[in-house]
Amino acid sequence: MKLRSTTAAAALFLAAGLGIASAQTVVVTPEQETVIREYVQTHSVASVEVPDVEITVGATLPETVELHTIDNPEIKYSYVVVDGRTVLVEPETRKVVHVIE
C-alpha cells in the first residue's frame, strides 16, 4: 500500500512538473513575429541595457526596465529592445518569453 501511494504521488508531481514546463513554452508564429517586427520598427523605442541579467527565455526583467505594449489584440505580450534585440515579455511576471534577433 505504501509503495502504491508513493508511486501515485510521484506520478502526480511528474504530471504537475510537465504542466508547468509546457505552460512556459511560448510559440510565436512567423506571422506574429512579422507583425511584432513591423510594430517595433514603426514605434521606435530606445534600446536599453539590462545589467546583471542574461536575456534568455525565462529570465525576469527588473521593474526598472520599461515595458512597451503592442497595440494588437492577438499579441498579449509587451516588449523591450535590449542591445538591438526585441524581447517579448509577459507583463504580469516580467518573464522573457521570446527573443527576436
Foldseek 3Di string as FASTA:
>chain_A
DVVVVVVVVVVVVVVVVVVVVVVLADDQDPVNVVLVVVQCVVVPDDADAQPPWDQDAFTAGDPVADWAPRPDVVDQWTWHHHPNKIFTANVVRRGTRDIHD
